[in-house]
Amino acid sequence: MDYAAARQNMIEGQIRPNRVTDEELLAALASVPRELFVPEALRSLAYCDEDIPIGNGRFVMEPMVLAQLLQMAAIQPGDTLLDVGCGTGYSSALAARLANTVVAVESDKALASRAADLFAELSIGNVTVVEGPLEEGCPKQGPYQVIVLQGAVEFVPPAILQQLAEGGRLVAVVLHDGVGRATLMKRTHGVTSGRIIFDAAVARLPGFSRQPGFIF
C-alpha cells in the first residue's frame, strides 16, 4: 500500500474540507506515518476517517476530529503540551511538531512502551512518556499552555484543569447526555471557562466517568 498517497488523500479528502487550515498542522499530518501507530493488521485502515482500535479497549482518535481539536488549541512553538491518553503516541507525534515540549500520559503500560519505542524510531526527541492514571495528568511537569484529552469524557477533572497555565487552552470531547461536544476551555485571570465548538463522536477515554450519586 502507498501510505504516502493515502496520507495525502486523508488531508485533501478529510482534513481540509473540515476547515482545518493551519499550515503547520497540515505539514505535521503529512509527515507523521499514522500507519506505524496502529496494529499491523489494521494498517490498511490507518487513513480511514474513523477511530482505530489499538488494544485493551483503546483507540487512535479519528484524524478529522483530532486535527480539529489540535487546531482549536492554537499550539505555539514555545508551548508545553500535555497529551492525556496518548495511546501509541500518534497525537503526541503530531503535537511534537507544533509545540516545544510534549508530556504524553498513558495508563496502559504496553501502549506507553510502544509510544516510547515509536518516538525513538522516528527520532522525536521532545516528547516525554509518563505512565500513570490519565485523570491525574502530570502536575510535576506543569503548568501547560495546552492540554489535549484523547477521547470522549464525561467531565474534565479539577486535577487536570489546575495544570492549565494562565492563558492556556484545553481541548476535549465532552459528553452531554451521551452526545460528544468538542469543547475549548481557556484559563483567564485564574478562571477556566469553556465553549462548545462542534459535535464529535469519538471513543471514550477511560477514567473520566462521573461516579453515580446515592439515591435515597
C-alpha atoms as a PDB file:
ATOM      1  CA  MET A   1       0.000   0.000   0.000  1.00  0.00           C
ATOM      2  CA  ASP A   2       1.216   3.515  -0.829  1.00  0.00           C
ATOM      3  CA  TYR A   3       0.923   5.083   2.624  1.00  0.00           C
ATOM      4  CA  ALA A   4       2.289   8.451   1.494  1.00  0.00           C
ATOM      5  CA  ALA A   5      -0.504   8.718  -1.093  1.00  0.00           C
ATOM      6  CA  ALA A   6      -3.086   7.597   1.483  1.00  0.00           C
ATOM      7  CA  ARG A   7      -1.779  10.248   3.882  1.00  0.00           C
ATOM      8  CA  GLN A   8      -2.190  12.957   1.274  1.00  0.00           C
ATOM      9  CA  ASN A   9      -5.656  11.699   0.370  1.00  0.00           C
ATOM     10  CA  MET A  10      -6.588  11.898   4.053  1.00  0.00           C
ATOM     11  CA  ILE A  11      -5.504  15.529   4.183  1.00  0.00           C
ATOM     12  CA  GLU A  12      -7.281  16.546   0.977  1.00  0.00           C
ATOM     13  CA  GLY A  13     -10.401  14.409   1.475  1.00  0.00           C
ATOM     14  CA  GLN A  14     -10.978  14.607   5.239  1.00  0.00           C
ATOM     15  CA  ILE A  15      -8.917  17.340   6.862  1.00  0.00           C
ATOM     16  CA  ARG A  16      -9.050  20.384   4.587  1.00  0.00           C
ATOM     17  CA  PRO A  17     -12.803  20.017   3.802  1.00  0.00           C
ATOM     18  CA  ASN A  18     -13.459  20.263   7.554  1.00  0.00           C
ATOM     19  CA  ARG A  19     -11.924  23.731   7.760  1.00  0.00           C
ATOM     20  CA  VAL A  20      -8.528  22.742   9.077  1.00  0.00           C
ATOM     21  CA  THR A  21      -6.344  25.451   7.561  1.00  0.00           C
ATOM     22  CA  ASP A  22      -3.334  25.704   9.887  1.00  0.00           C
ATOM     23  CA  GLU A  23      -0.387  25.056   7.575  1.00  0.00           C
ATOM     24  CA  GLU A  24       1.960  23.842  10.334  1.00  0.00           C
ATOM     25  CA  LEU A  25      -0.642  21.326  11.448  1.00  0.00           C
ATOM     26  CA  LEU A  26      -1.257  20.174   7.872  1.00  0.00           C
ATOM     27  CA  ALA A  27       2.501  19.714   7.431  1.00  0.00           C
ATOM     28  CA  ALA A  28       2.617  17.616  10.608  1.00  0.00           C
ATOM     29  CA  LEU A  29      -0.244  15.444   9.353  1.00  0.00           C
ATOM     30  CA  ALA A  30       1.615  14.977   6.074  1.00  0.00           C
ATOM     31  CA  SER A  31       4.844  13.937   7.776  1.00  0.00           C
ATOM     32  CA  VAL A  32       3.761  11.590  10.590  1.00  0.00           C
ATOM     33  CA  PRO A  33       3.212   7.986   9.389  1.00  0.00           C
ATOM     34  CA  ARG A  34      -0.085   7.122  11.103  1.00  0.00           C
ATOM     35  CA  GLU A  35       0.180   3.524   9.928  1.00  0.00           C
ATOM     36  CA  LEU A  36       3.010   2.892  12.392  1.00  0.00           C
ATOM     37  CA  PHE A  37       0.790   3.815  15.340  1.00  0.00           C
ATOM     38  CA  VAL A  38      -1.926   1.208  14.660  1.00  0.00           C
ATOM     39  CA  PRO A  39      -1.712  -2.610  14.816  1.00  0.00           C
ATOM     40  CA  GLU A  40      -0.051  -4.115  11.753  1.00  0.00           C
ATOM     41  CA  ALA A  41      -3.227  -5.998  10.802  1.00  0.00           C
ATOM     42  CA  LEU A  42      -5.122  -2.678  10.624  1.00  0.00           C
ATOM     43  CA  ARG A  43      -2.576  -0.599   8.741  1.00  0.00           C
ATOM     44  CA  SER A  44      -4.677  -0.646   5.582  1.00  0.00           C
ATOM     45  CA  LEU A  45      -7.294   1.304   7.593  1.00  0.00           C
ATOM     46  CA  ALA A  46      -4.826   3.797   9.069  1.00  0.00           C
ATOM     47  CA  TYR A  47      -6.046   6.709   6.962  1.00  0.00           C
ATOM     48  CA  CYS A  48      -9.769   5.996   7.148  1.00  0.00           C
ATOM     49  CA  ASP A  49     -11.886   8.612   8.911  1.00  0.00           C
ATOM     50  CA  GLU A  50     -12.592   6.507  11.981  1.00  0.00           C
ATOM     51  CA  ASP A  51     -11.169   5.565  15.378  1.00  0.00           C
ATOM     52  CA  ILE A  52      -8.695   2.687  15.069  1.00  0.00           C
ATOM     53  CA  PRO A  53      -8.577   0.131  17.941  1.00  0.00           C
ATOM     54  CA  ILE A  54      -5.094  -0.376  19.382  1.00  0.00           C
ATOM     55  CA  GLY A  55      -5.937  -2.942  22.085  1.00  0.00           C
ATOM     56  CA  ASN A  56      -7.224  -3.017  25.660  1.00  0.00           C
ATOM     57  CA  GLY A  57     -10.302  -1.022  24.690  1.00  0.00           C
ATOM     58  CA  ARG A  58      -8.264   1.931  23.464  1.00  0.00           C
ATOM     59  CA  PHE A  59      -8.260   3.733  20.094  1.00  0.00           C
ATOM     60  CA  VAL A  60      -6.314   6.178  17.975  1.00  0.00           C
ATOM     61  CA  MET A  61      -8.738   9.070  17.508  1.00  0.00           C
ATOM     62  CA  GLU A  62     -10.092   9.616  14.003  1.00  0.00           C
ATOM     63  CA  PRO A  63      -7.913  12.080  12.047  1.00  0.00           C
ATOM     64  CA  MET A  64     -10.586  14.692  11.287  1.00  0.00           C
ATOM     65  CA  VAL A  65     -11.610  15.217  14.902  1.00  0.00           C
ATOM     66  CA  LEU A  66      -8.026  15.113  16.172  1.00  0.00           C
ATOM     67  CA  ALA A  67      -6.938  17.689  13.587  1.00  0.00           C
ATOM     68  CA  GLN A  68      -9.800  19.996  14.509  1.00  0.00           C
ATOM     69  CA  LEU A  69      -9.004  19.701  18.218  1.00  0.00           C
ATOM     70  CA  LEU A  70      -5.336  20.499  17.636  1.00  0.00           C
ATOM     71  CA  GLN A  71      -6.259  23.497  15.500  1.00  0.00           C
ATOM     72  CA  MET A  72      -8.648  24.704  18.238  1.00  0.00           C
ATOM     73  CA  ALA A  73      -5.781  24.516  20.721  1.00  0.00           C
ATOM     74  CA  ALA A  74      -3.789  27.107  18.736  1.00  0.00           C
ATOM     75  CA  ILE A  75      -0.466  25.456  19.626  1.00  0.00           C
ATOM     76  CA  GLN A  76       2.511  27.810  19.594  1.00  0.00           C
ATOM     77  CA  PRO A  77       6.190  26.863  19.048  1.00  0.00           C
ATOM     78  CA  GLY A  78       7.133  27.693  22.641  1.00  0.00           C
ATOM     79  CA  ASP A  79       4.258  25.806  24.285  1.00  0.00           C
ATOM     80  CA  THR A  80       4.488  22.892  26.672  1.00  0.00           C
ATOM     81  CA  LEU A  81       1.633  20.493  25.885  1.00  0.00           C
ATOM     82  CA  LEU A  82       0.055  17.734  27.967  1.00  0.00           C
ATOM     83  CA  ASP A  83      -1.368  14.881  25.880  1.00  0.00           C
ATOM     84  CA  VAL A  84      -3.695  12.825  28.077  1.00  0.00           C
ATOM     85  CA  GLY A  85      -4.243   9.256  26.894  1.00  0.00           C
ATOM     86  CA  CYS A  86      -1.613   9.262  24.164  1.00  0.00           C
ATOM     87  CA  GLY A  87      -2.076   5.547  23.403  1.00  0.00           C
ATOM     88  CA  THR A  88       0.630   4.526  20.942  1.00  0.00           C
ATOM     89  CA  GLY A  89       1.614   8.172  20.509  1.00  0.00           C
ATOM     90  CA  TYR A  90       0.201   9.387  17.200  1.00  0.00           C
ATOM     91  CA  SER A  91      -1.331  12.534  18.683  1.00  0.00           C
ATOM     92  CA  SER A  92       1.859  13.285  20.593  1.00  0.00           C
ATOM     93  CA  ALA A  93       3.951  12.851  17.449  1.00  0.00           C
ATOM     94  CA  LEU A  94       1.791  15.466  15.710  1.00  0.00           C
ATOM     95  CA  ALA A  95       1.911  17.819  18.686  1.00  0.00           C
ATOM     96  CA  ALA A  96       5.700  17.446  18.898  1.00  0.00           C
ATOM     97  CA  ARG A  97       5.982  19.164  15.519  1.00  0.00           C
ATOM     98  CA  LEU A  98       3.959  22.133  16.768  1.00  0.00           C
ATOM     99  CA  ALA A  99       4.968  22.610  20.421  1.00  0.00           C
ATOM    100  CA  ASN A 100       8.291  22.953  22.215  1.00  0.00           C
ATOM    101  CA  THR A 101       7.707  20.071  24.629  1.00  0.00           C
ATOM    102  CA  VAL A 102       5.069  17.336  24.870  1.00  0.00           C
ATOM    103  CA  VAL A 103       4.302  15.334  28.002  1.00  0.00           C
ATOM    104  CA  ALA A 104       2.417  12.204  26.927  1.00  0.00           C
ATOM    105  CA  VAL A 105       0.483  10.494  29.724  1.00  0.00           C
ATOM    106  CA  GLU A 106      -0.627   6.884  29.272  1.00  0.00           C
ATOM    107  CA  SER A 107      -2.083   4.487  31.846  1.00  0.00           C
ATOM    108  CA  ASP A 108      -1.565   1.308  29.808  1.00  0.00           C
ATOM    109  CA  LYS A 109       1.994   0.012  30.217  1.00  0.00           C
ATOM    110  CA  ALA A 110       2.127  -1.755  26.841  1.00  0.00           C
ATOM    111  CA  LEU A 111       0.821   1.287  24.953  1.00  0.00           C
ATOM    112  CA  ALA A 112       3.209   3.622  26.775  1.00  0.00           C
ATOM    113  CA  SER A 113       6.119   1.345  25.874  1.00  0.00           C
ATOM    114  CA  ARG A 114       5.038   1.210  22.228  1.00  0.00           C
ATOM    115  CA  ALA A 115       4.749   5.004  22.117  1.00  0.00           C
ATOM    116  CA  ALA A 116       8.255   5.443  23.544  1.00  0.00           C
ATOM    117  CA  ASP A 117       9.655   2.973  21.000  1.00  0.00           C
ATOM    118  CA  LEU A 118       7.987   4.810  18.105  1.00  0.00           C
ATOM    119  CA  PHE A 119       9.295   8.195  19.241  1.00  0.00           C
ATOM    120  CA  ALA A 120      12.803   6.734  19.294  1.00  0.00           C
ATOM    121  CA  GLU A 121      12.313   5.114  15.873  1.00  0.00           C
ATOM    122  CA  LEU A 122      11.089   8.387  14.372  1.00  0.00           C
ATOM    123  CA  SER A 123      13.755  10.488  16.166  1.00  0.00           C
ATOM    124  CA  ILE A 124      11.144  12.550  18.010  1.00  0.00           C
ATOM    125  CA  GLY A 125      13.119  13.906  20.928  1.00  0.00           C
ATOM    126  CA  ASN A 126      10.792  16.452  22.519  1.00  0.00           C
ATOM    127  CA  VAL A 127       8.186  14.027  23.896  1.00  0.00           C
ATOM    128  CA  THR A 128       8.335  12.527  27.383  1.00  0.00           C
ATOM    129  CA  VAL A 129       6.124   9.495  28.019  1.00  0.00           C
ATOM    130  CA  VAL A 130       4.734   9.300  31.556  1.00  0.00           C
ATOM    131  CA  GLU A 131       2.953   6.139  32.703  1.00  0.00           C
ATOM    132  CA  GLY A 132       0.175   6.817  35.206  1.00  0.00           C
ATOM    133  CA  PRO A 133      -3.554   7.432  35.751  1.00  0.00           C
ATOM    134  CA  LEU A 134      -4.947   9.559  32.938  1.00  0.00           C
ATOM    135  CA  GLU A 135      -7.296  11.518  35.182  1.00  0.00           C
ATOM    136  CA  GLU A 136      -4.336  12.822  37.206  1.00  0.00           C
ATOM    137  CA  GLY A 137      -2.438  14.279  34.255  1.00  0.00           C
ATOM    138  CA  CYS A 138       1.173  15.080  35.160  1.00  0.00           C
ATOM    139  CA  PRO A 139       1.300  18.001  37.602  1.00  0.00           C
ATOM    140  CA  LYS A 140       5.033  17.833  38.265  1.00  0.00           C
ATOM    141  CA  GLN A 141       5.831  18.935  34.699  1.00  0.00           C
ATOM    142  CA  GLY A 142       3.092  21.588  34.510  1.00  0.00           C
ATOM    143  CA  PRO A 143       1.663  24.070  34.153  1.00  0.00           C
ATOM    144  CA  TYR A 144       0.855  23.579  30.477  1.00  0.00           C
ATOM    145  CA  GLN A 145      -0.090  26.068  27.798  1.00  0.00           C
ATOM    146  CA  VAL A 146      -2.086  23.334  26.049  1.00  0.00           C
ATOM    147  CA  ILE A 147      -3.848  20.192  27.319  1.00  0.00           C
ATOM    148  CA  VAL A 148      -5.464  17.692  24.930  1.00  0.00           C
ATOM    149  CA  LEU A 149      -7.668  14.755  26.000  1.00  0.00           C
ATOM    150  CA  GLN A 150      -7.532  11.854  23.563  1.00  0.00           C
ATOM    151  CA  GLY A 151     -11.106  10.582  23.738  1.00  0.00           C
ATOM    152  CA  ALA A 152     -14.602  11.405  24.882  1.00  0.00           C
ATOM    153  CA  VAL A 153     -15.019  12.219  28.585  1.00  0.00           C
ATOM    154  CA  GLU A 154     -17.996  12.856  30.834  1.00  0.00           C
ATOM    155  CA  PHE A 155     -16.134  15.670  32.583  1.00  0.00           C
ATOM    156  CA  VAL A 156     -12.695  17.253  32.916  1.00  0.00           C
ATOM    157  CA  PRO A 157     -11.367  16.639  36.450  1.00  0.00           C
ATOM    158  CA  PRO A 158     -10.321  19.645  38.543  1.00  0.00           C
ATOM    159  CA  ALA A 159      -6.905  17.999  38.960  1.00  0.00           C
ATOM    160  CA  ILE A 160      -6.283  18.421  35.229  1.00  0.00           C
ATOM    161  CA  LEU A 161      -7.799  21.894  34.974  1.00  0.00           C
ATOM    162  CA  GLN A 162      -5.420  23.023  37.717  1.00  0.00           C
ATOM    163  CA  GLN A 163      -2.484  22.090  35.477  1.00  0.00           C
ATOM    164  CA  LEU A 164      -3.533  24.619  32.834  1.00  0.00           C
ATOM    165  CA  ALA A 165      -1.308  27.706  32.727  1.00  0.00           C
ATOM    166  CA  GLU A 166      -2.664  31.240  32.733  1.00  0.00           C
ATOM    167  CA  GLY A 167      -3.791  31.900  29.162  1.00  0.00           C
ATOM    168  CA  GLY A 168      -3.697  28.170  28.475  1.00  0.00           C
ATOM    169  CA  ARG A 169      -6.124  26.154  26.335  1.00  0.00           C
ATOM    170  CA  LEU A 170      -7.632  22.733  26.960  1.00  0.00           C
ATOM    171  CA  VAL A 171      -9.455  20.829  24.225  1.00  0.00           C
ATOM    172  CA  ALA A 172     -11.611  17.752  24.742  1.00  0.00           C
ATOM    173  CA  VAL A 173     -14.724  15.987  23.509  1.00  0.00           C
ATOM    174  CA  VAL A 174     -17.092  16.311  26.473  1.00  0.00           C
ATOM    175  CA  LEU A 175     -20.229  14.180  26.602  1.00  0.00           C
ATOM    176  CA  HIS A 176     -23.547  15.967  27.139  1.00  0.00           C
ATOM    177  CA  ASP A 177     -26.437  13.496  27.514  1.00  0.00           C
ATOM    178  CA  GLY A 178     -24.370  10.995  25.556  1.00  0.00           C
ATOM    179  CA  VAL A 179     -23.539  13.386  22.707  1.00  0.00           C
ATOM    180  CA  GLY A 180     -19.911  14.378  22.224  1.00  0.00           C
ATOM    181  CA  ARG A 181     -19.182  18.100  22.008  1.00  0.00           C
ATOM    182  CA  ALA A 182     -15.711  19.296  21.075  1.00  0.00           C
ATOM    183  CA  THR A 183     -15.038  21.899  23.739  1.00  0.00           C
ATOM    184  CA  LEU A 184     -12.403  24.610  24.108  1.00  0.00           C
ATOM    185  CA  MET A 185     -11.556  25.710  27.648  1.00  0.00           C
ATOM    186  CA  LYS A 186      -9.371  28.712  28.472  1.00  0.00           C
ATOM    187  CA  ARG A 187      -7.832  29.912  31.716  1.00  0.00           C
ATOM    188  CA  THR A 188      -8.034  33.685  32.156  1.00  0.00           C
ATOM    189  CA  HIS A 189      -7.213  35.511  35.402  1.00  0.00           C
ATOM    190  CA  GLY A 190      -7.272  32.168  37.193  1.00  0.00           C
ATOM    191  CA  VAL A 191     -10.758  31.261  35.980  1.00  0.00           C
ATOM    192  CA  THR A 192     -11.408  28.484  33.461  1.00  0.00           C
ATOM    193  CA  SER A 193     -14.347  28.821  31.096  1.00  0.00           C
ATOM    194  CA  GLY A 194     -15.373  26.760  28.087  1.00  0.00           C
ATOM    195  CA  ARG A 195     -17.419  26.841  24.921  1.00  0.00           C
ATOM    196  CA  ILE A 196     -18.641  24.154  22.546  1.00  0.00           C
ATOM    197  CA  ILE A 197     -17.177  24.328  19.034  1.00  0.00           C
ATOM    198  CA  PHE A 198     -18.677  21.323  17.181  1.00  0.00           C
ATOM    199  CA  ASP A 199     -20.246  17.883  17.660  1.00  0.00           C
ATOM    200  CA  ALA A 200     -17.897  14.895  17.601  1.00  0.00           C
ATOM    201  CA  ALA A 201     -18.388  11.160  18.043  1.00  0.00           C
ATOM    202  CA  VAL A 202     -15.190   9.505  19.276  1.00  0.00           C
ATOM    203  CA  ALA A 203     -14.356   6.582  21.548  1.00  0.00           C
ATOM    204  CA  ARG A 204     -14.410   7.157  25.296  1.00  0.00           C
ATOM    205  CA  LEU A 205     -11.259   7.738  27.319  1.00  0.00           C
ATOM    206  CA  PRO A 206     -11.212   5.565  30.474  1.00  0.00           C
ATOM    207  CA  GLY A 207     -11.089   7.216  33.870  1.00  0.00           C
ATOM    208  CA  PHE A 208     -13.344  10.166  33.117  1.00  0.00           C
ATOM    209  CA  SER A 209     -16.799   8.864  34.051  1.00  0.00           C
ATOM    210  CA  ARG A 210     -18.831  10.577  36.755  1.00  0.00           C
ATOM    211  CA  GLN A 211     -19.493   8.444  39.814  1.00  0.00           C
ATOM    212  CA  PRO A 212     -23.231   7.750  40.244  1.00  0.00           C
ATOM    213  CA  GLY A 213     -24.741   9.590  43.160  1.00  0.00           C
ATOM    214  CA  PHE A 214     -26.532   7.956  46.047  1.00  0.00           C
ATOM    215  CA  ILE A 215     -30.282   7.509  45.738  1.00  0.00           C
ATOM    216  CA  PHE A 216     -32.212   7.754  48.995  1.00  0.00           C
END
